PDB file of N, CA and C in Angstrom:
ATOM      1  N   UNK A   1     113.622  82.700  91.052  1.00  0.00           N
ATOM      2  CA  UNK A   1     113.304  84.251  91.192  1.00  0.00           C
ATOM      3  C   UNK A   1     114.537  84.871  92.036  1.00  0.00           C
ATOM      4  N   UNK A   2     114.929  85.939  91.481  1.00  0.00           N
ATOM      5  CA  UNK A   2     116.028  86.528  92.257  1.00  0.00           C
ATOM      6  C   UNK A   2     115.854  88.055  92.508  1.00  0.00           C
ATOM      7  N   UNK A   3     116.779  88.676  93.085  1.00  0.00           N
ATOM      8  CA  UNK A   3     116.805  90.133  93.489  1.00  0.00           C
ATOM      9  C   UNK A   3     117.692  90.904  92.602  1.00  0.00           C
ATOM     10  N   UNK A   4     117.238  91.968  92.110  1.00  0.00           N
ATOM     11  CA  UNK A   4     118.253  92.765  91.389  1.00  0.00           C
ATOM     12  C   UNK A   4     118.343  94.144  91.934  1.00  0.00           C
ATOM     13  N   UNK A   5     119.517  94.705  92.265  1.00  0.00           N
ATOM     14  CA  UNK A   5     119.804  95.809  92.748  1.00  0.00           C
ATOM     15  C   UNK A   5     120.051  96.865  91.543  1.00  0.00           C
ATOM     16  N   UNK A   6     119.232  97.697  91.216  1.00  0.00           N
ATOM     17  CA  UNK A   6     119.418  98.685  90.029  1.00  0.00           C
ATOM     18  C   UNK A   6     119.462  99.942  90.546  1.00  0.00           C
ATOM     19  N   UNK A   7     120.311 100.671  90.553  1.00  0.00           N
ATOM     20  CA  UNK A   7     120.467 102.072  91.280  1.00  0.00           C
ATOM     21  C   UNK A   7     121.547 102.970  90.380  1.00  0.00           C
ATOM     22  N   UNK A   8     121.448 104.286  90.498  1.00  0.00           N
ATOM     23  CA  UNK A   8     122.256 105.178  89.983  1.00  0.00           C
ATOM     24  C   UNK A   8     123.016 105.607  91.076  1.00  0.00           C
ATOM     25  N   UNK A   9     124.367 105.994  90.997  1.00  0.00           N
ATOM     26  CA  UNK A   9     125.085 106.818  92.062  1.00  0.00           C
ATOM     27  C   UNK A   9     126.184 107.543  91.459  1.00  0.00           C
ATOM     28  N   UNK A  10     126.475 108.497  92.003  1.00  0.00           N
ATOM     29  CA  UNK A  10     127.540 109.615  91.546  1.00  0.00           C
ATOM     30  C   UNK A  10     128.862 108.763  91.588  1.00  0.00           C
ATOM     31  N   UNK A  11     129.898 109.334  91.134  1.00  0.00           N
ATOM     32  CA  UNK A  11     131.417 108.653  91.219  1.00  0.00           C
ATOM     33  C   UNK A  11     131.621 108.786  92.905  1.00  0.00           C
ATOM     34  N   UNK A  12     131.386 109.393  93.640  1.00  0.00           N
ATOM     35  CA  UNK A  12     131.468 109.365  94.969  1.00  0.00           C
ATOM     36  C   UNK A  12     130.591 108.460  95.864  1.00  0.00           C
ATOM     37  N   UNK A  13     129.686 107.737  94.995  1.00  0.00           N
ATOM     38  CA  UNK A  13     128.970 106.626  95.778  1.00  0.00           C
ATOM     39  C   UNK A  13     127.654 107.156  96.421  1.00  0.00           C
ATOM     40  N   UNK A  14     127.383 108.267  96.136  1.00  0.00           N
ATOM     41  CA  UNK A  14     126.000 108.735  96.625  1.00  0.00           C
ATOM     42  C   UNK A  14     125.013 108.834  95.582  1.00  0.00           C
ATOM     43  N   UNK A  15     123.610 108.463  96.025  1.00  0.00           N
ATOM     44  CA  UNK A  15     122.571 108.391  95.184  1.00  0.00           C
ATOM     45  C   UNK A  15     121.937 109.993  95.120  1.00  0.00           C
ATOM     46  N   UNK A  16     121.964 110.798  95.976  1.00  0.00           N
ATOM     47  CA  UNK A  16     121.573 112.199  96.173  1.00  0.00           C
ATOM     48  C   UNK A  16     122.767 113.125  96.136  1.00  0.00           C
ATOM     49  N   UNK A  17     122.473 114.279  95.829  1.00  0.00           N
ATOM     50  CA  UNK A  17     123.708 115.319  95.787  1.00  0.00           C
ATOM     51  C   UNK A  17     123.537 115.948  97.301  1.00  0.00           C
ATOM     52  N   UNK A  18     124.282 116.887  97.505  1.00  0.00           N
ATOM     53  CA  UNK A  18     124.325 117.623  98.809  1.00  0.00           C
ATOM     54  C   UNK A  18     123.136 118.372  99.343  1.00  0.00           C
ATOM     55  N   UNK A  19     122.129 118.389  98.280  1.00  0.00           N
ATOM     56  CA  UNK A  19     120.937 119.033  98.680  1.00  0.00           C
ATOM     57  C   UNK A  19     119.751 118.094  98.695  1.00  0.00           C
ATOM     58  N   UNK A  20     120.116 116.734  98.834  1.00  0.00           N
ATOM     59  CA  UNK A  20     119.201 115.639  98.884  1.00  0.00           C
ATOM     60  C   UNK A  20     118.482 115.568  97.652  1.00  0.00           C
ATOM     61  N   UNK A  21     119.002 115.756  96.457  1.00  0.00           N
ATOM     62  CA  UNK A  21     118.156 116.047  95.381  1.00  0.00           C
ATOM     63  C   UNK A  21     118.754 114.878  94.242  1.00  0.00           C
ATOM     64  N   UNK A  22     117.801 114.470  93.274  1.00  0.00           N
ATOM     65  CA  UNK A  22     118.158 113.596  92.292  1.00  0.00           C
ATOM     66  C   UNK A  22     118.185 114.361  90.890  1.00  0.00           C
ATOM     67  N   UNK A  23     118.357 115.618  91.103  1.00  0.00           N
ATOM     68  CA  UNK A  23     118.347 116.270  89.728  1.00  0.00           C
ATOM     69  C   UNK A  23     119.561 116.124  88.985  1.00  0.00           C
ATOM     70  N   UNK A  24     120.552 115.538  89.481  1.00  0.00           N
ATOM     71  CA  UNK A  24     121.814 115.310  88.832  1.00  0.00           C
ATOM     72  C   UNK A  24     121.365 114.178  88.059  1.00  0.00           C
ATOM     73  N   UNK A  25     120.640 113.286  88.354  1.00  0.00           N
ATOM     74  CA  UNK A  25     120.269 111.998  87.592  1.00  0.00           C
ATOM     75  C   UNK A  25     119.161 112.124  86.454  1.00  0.00           C
ATOM     76  N   UNK A  26     118.051 112.988  86.905  1.00  0.00           N
ATOM     77  CA  UNK A  26     117.166 113.129  86.177  1.00  0.00           C
ATOM     78  C   UNK A  26     117.291 114.083  85.045  1.00  0.00           C
ATOM     79  N   UNK A  27     118.307 114.928  85.136  1.00  0.00           N
ATOM     80  CA  UNK A  27     118.770 115.898  84.276  1.00  0.00           C
ATOM     81  C   UNK A  27     119.473 115.291  82.967  1.00  0.00           C
ATOM     82  N   UNK A  28     119.948 114.151  83.053  1.00  0.00           N
ATOM     83  CA  UNK A  28     120.651 113.521  81.934  1.00  0.00           C
ATOM     84  C   UNK A  28     119.854 112.982  80.945  1.00  0.00           C
ATOM     85  N   UNK A  29     120.450 112.919  79.785  1.00  0.00           N
ATOM     86  CA  UNK A  29     119.834 112.287  78.640  1.00  0.00           C
ATOM     87  C   UNK A  29     120.280 110.811  78.735  1.00  0.00           C
ATOM     88  N   UNK A  30     119.318 109.908  78.843  1.00  0.00           N
ATOM     89  CA  UNK A  30     119.498 108.528  78.984  1.00  0.00           C
ATOM     90  C   UNK A  30     118.793 107.891  77.654  1.00  0.00           C
ATOM     91  N   UNK A  31     119.438 106.847  76.967  1.00  0.00           N
ATOM     92  CA  UNK A  31     118.838 106.280  75.952  1.00  0.00           C
ATOM     93  C   UNK A  31     117.926 105.271  76.592  1.00  0.00           C
ATOM     94  N   UNK A  32     116.583 105.318  76.418  1.00  0.00           N
ATOM     95  CA  UNK A  32     115.665 104.506  76.915  1.00  0.00           C
ATOM     96  C   UNK A  32     115.780 103.026  76.632  1.00  0.00           C
ATOM     97  N   UNK A  33     116.480 102.940  75.288  1.00  0.00           N
ATOM     98  CA  UNK A  33     116.558 101.551  74.894  1.00  0.00           C
ATOM     99  C   UNK A  33     117.983 100.890  75.063  1.00  0.00           C
ATOM    100  N   UNK A  34     118.939 101.886  75.683  1.00  0.00           N
ATOM    101  CA  UNK A  34     120.406 101.579  75.779  1.00  0.00           C
ATOM    102  C   UNK A  34     120.352 100.671  77.088  1.00  0.00           C
ATOM    103  N   UNK A  35     121.673 100.500  77.559  1.00  0.00           N
ATOM    104  CA  UNK A  35     121.947  99.588  78.650  1.00  0.00           C
ATOM    105  C   UNK A  35     121.613 100.143  80.104  1.00  0.00           C
ATOM    106  N   UNK A  36     121.357 101.422  80.209  1.00  0.00           N
ATOM    107  CA  UNK A  36     120.911 102.017  81.397  1.00  0.00           C
ATOM    108  C   UNK A  36     119.458 102.395  81.352  1.00  0.00           C
ATOM    109  N   UNK A  37     118.740 101.929  80.295  1.00  0.00           N
ATOM    110  CA  UNK A  37     117.332 102.256  80.208  1.00  0.00           C
ATOM    111  C   UNK A  37     116.324 101.701  81.322  1.00  0.00           C
ATOM    112  N   UNK A  38     115.384 102.428  82.035  1.00  0.00           N
ATOM    113  CA  UNK A  38     114.687 101.929  82.999  1.00  0.00           C
ATOM    114  C   UNK A  38     113.469 101.245  82.517  1.00  0.00           C
ATOM    115  N   UNK A  39     113.163 101.541  81.295  1.00  0.00           N
ATOM    116  CA  UNK A  39     111.841 100.750  80.894  1.00  0.00           C
ATOM    117  C   UNK A  39     111.925  99.329  80.631  1.00  0.00           C
ATOM    118  N   UNK A  40     113.067  98.867  80.179  1.00  0.00           N
ATOM    119  CA  UNK A  40     113.472  97.469  80.014  1.00  0.00           C
ATOM    120  C   UNK A  40     113.639  96.667  81.272  1.00  0.00           C
ATOM    121  N   UNK A  41     114.187  97.378  82.372  1.00  0.00           N
ATOM    122  CA  UNK A  41     114.544  96.951  83.562  1.00  0.00           C
ATOM    123  C   UNK A  41     113.175  96.779  84.231  1.00  0.00           C
ATOM    124  N   UNK A  42     112.187  97.603  84.173  1.00  0.00           N
ATOM    125  CA  UNK A  42     110.955  97.628  85.086  1.00  0.00           C
ATOM    126  C   UNK A  42     109.950  96.741  84.650  1.00  0.00           C
ATOM    127  N   UNK A  43     110.125  96.373  83.130  1.00  0.00           N
ATOM    128  CA  UNK A  43     109.346  95.273  82.586  1.00  0.00           C
ATOM    129  C   UNK A  43     109.851  94.005  82.874  1.00  0.00           C
ATOM    130  N   UNK A  44     111.182  93.712  83.448  1.00  0.00           N
ATOM    131  CA  UNK A  44     111.537  92.551  83.781  1.00  0.00           C
ATOM    132  C   UNK A  44     111.522  91.892  85.124  1.00  0.00           C
ATOM    133  N   UNK A  45     110.886  93.005  86.055  1.00  0.00           N
ATOM    134  CA  UNK A  45     110.594  92.679  87.531  1.00  0.00           C
ATOM    135  C   UNK A  45     109.129  92.630  87.996  1.00  0.00           C
ATOM    136  N   UNK A  46     108.721  92.138  88.859  1.00  0.00           N
ATOM    137  CA  UNK A  46     107.510  91.952  89.359  1.00  0.00           C
ATOM    138  C   UNK A  46     107.025  93.057  90.542  1.00  0.00           C
ATOM    139  N   UNK A  47     108.138  93.432  91.173  1.00  0.00           N
ATOM    140  CA  UNK A  47     107.999  94.313  92.169  1.00  0.00           C
ATOM    141  C   UNK A  47     109.256  95.268  92.259  1.00  0.00           C
ATOM    142  N   UNK A  48     108.987  96.551  92.834  1.00  0.00           N
ATOM    143  CA  UNK A  48     110.142  97.416  93.106  1.00  0.00           C
ATOM    144  C   UNK A  48     110.072  98.031  94.531  1.00  0.00           C
ATOM    145  N   UNK A  49     111.209  98.097  95.148  1.00  0.00           N
ATOM    146  CA  UNK A  49     111.292  98.503  96.544  1.00  0.00           C
ATOM    147  C   UNK A  49     112.077  99.786  96.400  1.00  0.00           C
ATOM    148  N   UNK A  50     111.676 100.953  97.006  1.00  0.00           N
ATOM    149  CA  UNK A  50     112.467 102.141  97.038  1.00  0.00           C
ATOM    150  C   UNK A  50     112.288 102.655  98.398  1.00  0.00           C
ATOM    151  N   UNK A  51     113.314 103.459  98.836  1.00  0.00           N
ATOM    152  CA  UNK A  51     113.353 104.242  99.936  1.00  0.00           C
ATOM    153  C   UNK A  51     112.406 105.256 100.111  1.00  0.00           C
ATOM    154  N   UNK A  52     111.864 105.592 101.267  1.00  0.00           N
ATOM    155  CA  UNK A  52     110.572 106.543 101.200  1.00  0.00           C
ATOM    156  C   UNK A  52     111.112 107.971 100.980  1.00  0.00           C
ATOM    157  N   UNK A  53     112.226 108.474 101.207  1.00  0.00           N
ATOM    158  CA  UNK A  53     112.885 109.607 100.754  1.00  0.00           C
ATOM    159  C   UNK A  53     113.130 109.739  99.196  1.00  0.00           C
ATOM    160  N   UNK A  54     113.428 108.653  98.646  1.00  0.00           N
ATOM    161  CA  UNK A  54     113.489 108.871  97.134  1.00  0.00           C
ATOM    162  C   UNK A  54     112.211 108.880  96.645  1.00  0.00           C
ATOM    163  N   UNK A  55     111.083 108.067  97.137  1.00  0.00           N
ATOM    164  CA  UNK A  55     109.849 108.241  96.491  1.00  0.00           C
ATOM    165  C   UNK A  55     109.190 109.580  96.800  1.00  0.00           C
ATOM    166  N   UNK A  56     109.342 110.024  97.990  1.00  0.00           N
ATOM    167  CA  UNK A  56     108.782 111.413  98.304  1.00  0.00           C
ATOM    168  C   UNK A  56     109.414 112.446  97.434  1.00  0.00           C
ATOM    169  N   UNK A  57     110.644 112.384  97.016  1.00  0.00           N
ATOM    170  CA  UNK A  57     111.362 113.174  96.163  1.00  0.00           C
ATOM    171  C   UNK A  57     110.922 113.114  94.886  1.00  0.00           C
ATOM    172  N   UNK A  58     110.769 112.045  94.264  1.00  0.00           N
ATOM    173  CA  UNK A  58     110.218 111.727  93.011  1.00  0.00           C
ATOM    174  C   UNK A  58     108.639 112.346  92.906  1.00  0.00           C
ATOM    175  N   UNK A  59     107.917 112.099  93.714  1.00  0.00           N
ATOM    176  CA  UNK A  59     106.491 112.437  93.790  1.00  0.00           C
ATOM    177  C   UNK A  59     106.567 113.923  94.036  1.00  0.00           C
ATOM    178  N   UNK A  60     107.086 114.643  94.655  1.00  0.00           N
ATOM    179  CA  UNK A  60     107.359 115.988  94.751  1.00  0.00           C
ATOM    180  C   UNK A  60     107.741 116.929  93.644  1.00  0.00           C
ATOM    181  N   UNK A  61     108.893 116.391  93.171  1.00  0.00           N
ATOM    182  CA  UNK A  61     109.760 116.920  91.915  1.00  0.00           C
ATOM    183  C   UNK A  61     109.414 116.534  90.487  1.00  0.00           C
ATOM    184  N   UNK A  62     108.789 115.408  90.460  1.00  0.00           N
ATOM    185  CA  UNK A  62     108.481 114.801  89.072  1.00  0.00           C
ATOM    186  C   UNK A  62     107.134 114.193  88.913  1.00  0.00           C
ATOM    187  N   UNK A  63     106.101 114.857  89.503  1.00  0.00           N
ATOM    188  CA  UNK A  63     104.679 114.112  89.698  1.00  0.00           C
ATOM    189  C   UNK A  63     104.237 113.826  88.174  1.00  0.00           C
ATOM    190  N   UNK A  64     104.010 112.635  87.800  1.00  0.00           N
ATOM    191  CA  UNK A  64     103.522 112.244  86.552  1.00  0.00           C
ATOM    192  C   UNK A  64     104.596 112.041  85.603  1.00  0.00           C
ATOM    193  N   UNK A  65     105.655 112.545  85.674  1.00  0.00           N
ATOM    194  CA  UNK A  65     106.699 112.412  84.776  1.00  0.00           C
ATOM    195  C   UNK A  65     107.473 111.265  84.675  1.00  0.00           C
ATOM    196  N   UNK A  66     107.769 110.765  86.059  1.00  0.00           N
ATOM    197  CA  UNK A  66     108.553 109.549  86.393  1.00  0.00           C
ATOM    198  C   UNK A  66     107.623 108.634  86.917  1.00  0.00           C
ATOM    199  N   UNK A  67     107.279 107.551  86.404  1.00  0.00           N
ATOM    200  CA  UNK A  67     106.191 106.592  86.875  1.00  0.00           C
ATOM    201  C   UNK A  67     107.024 105.241  87.256  1.00  0.00           C
ATOM    202  N   UNK A  68     106.372 104.482  88.014  1.00  0.00           N
ATOM    203  CA  UNK A  68     106.887 103.168  88.236  1.00  0.00           C
ATOM    204  C   UNK A  68     106.307 102.063  87.200  1.00  0.00           C
ATOM    205  N   UNK A  69     105.450 102.534  86.225  1.00  0.00           N
ATOM    206  CA  UNK A  69     105.171 101.880  85.257  1.00  0.00           C
ATOM    207  C   UNK A  69     104.362 100.539  85.693  1.00  0.00           C
ATOM    208  N   UNK A  70     103.681 100.466  86.447  1.00  0.00           N
ATOM    209  CA  UNK A  70     102.787  99.197  86.668  1.00  0.00           C
ATOM    210  C   UNK A  70     103.432  98.573  87.863  1.00  0.00           C
ATOM    211  N   UNK A  71     104.631  98.458  88.209  1.00  0.00           N
ATOM    212  CA  UNK A  71     105.208  97.684  89.267  1.00  0.00           C
ATOM    213  C   UNK A  71     104.571  98.014  90.575  1.00  0.00           C
ATOM    214  N   UNK A  72     104.562  96.960  91.328  1.00  0.00           N
ATOM    215  CA  UNK A  72     104.111  97.185  92.681  1.00  0.00           C
ATOM    216  C   UNK A  72     105.333  97.879  93.456  1.00  0.00           C
ATOM    217  N   UNK A  73     105.247  98.982  94.397  1.00  0.00           N
ATOM    218  CA  UNK A  73     106.406  99.559  94.876  1.00  0.00           C
ATOM    219  C   UNK A  73     106.242  99.766  96.267  1.00  0.00           C
ATOM    220  N   UNK A  74     106.480  99.122  97.155  1.00  0.00           N
ATOM    221  CA  UNK A  74     106.470  99.455  98.585  1.00  0.00           C
ATOM    222  C   UNK A  74     107.589 100.342  98.926  1.00  0.00           C
ATOM    223  N   UNK A  75     107.725 101.139  99.808  1.00  0.00           N
ATOM    224  CA  UNK A  75     108.496 102.101 100.027  1.00  0.00           C
ATOM    225  C   UNK A  75     109.001 101.745 101.446  1.00  0.00           C
ATOM    226  N   UNK A  76     110.481 101.570 101.480  1.00  0.00           N
ATOM    227  CA  UNK A  76     111.045 101.144 102.785  1.00  0.00           C
ATOM    228  C   UNK A  76     111.396 102.317 103.490  1.00  0.00           C
ATOM    229  N   UNK A  77     111.069 102.090 104.834  1.00  0.00           N
ATOM    230  CA  UNK A  77     111.327 103.458 105.773  1.00  0.00           C
ATOM    231  C   UNK A  77     111.675 102.949 107.026  1.00  0.00           C
ATOM    232  N   UNK A  78     112.567 103.680 107.676  1.00  0.00           N
ATOM    233  CA  UNK A  78     112.739 103.333 109.053  1.00  0.00           C
ATOM    234  C   UNK A  78     112.120 104.223 110.214  1.00  0.00           C
ATOM    235  N   UNK A  79     111.304 104.969 109.714  1.00  0.00           N
ATOM    236  CA  UNK A  79     110.426 105.903 110.739  1.00  0.00           C
ATOM    237  C   UNK A  79     109.198 105.067 111.316  1.00  0.00           C
TER     238      UNK A  79
END
């Protein structure tokens, strides 16, 4: 069993934009069956860990549209 780091970042290395938004990523047309497809990735793992700010942003801005597709997903937080 191993660990896979799966993330998207802008060319400047950030995950969110200056407004702490992921809109730059969710507004892109991504081939679900292509090399950056999330579905194939999530089907290959048993658990998913994400930061609490990312989780909260997704729940607030894309409720029901973007799901974790059945993976266990604890949210990491420093608070």
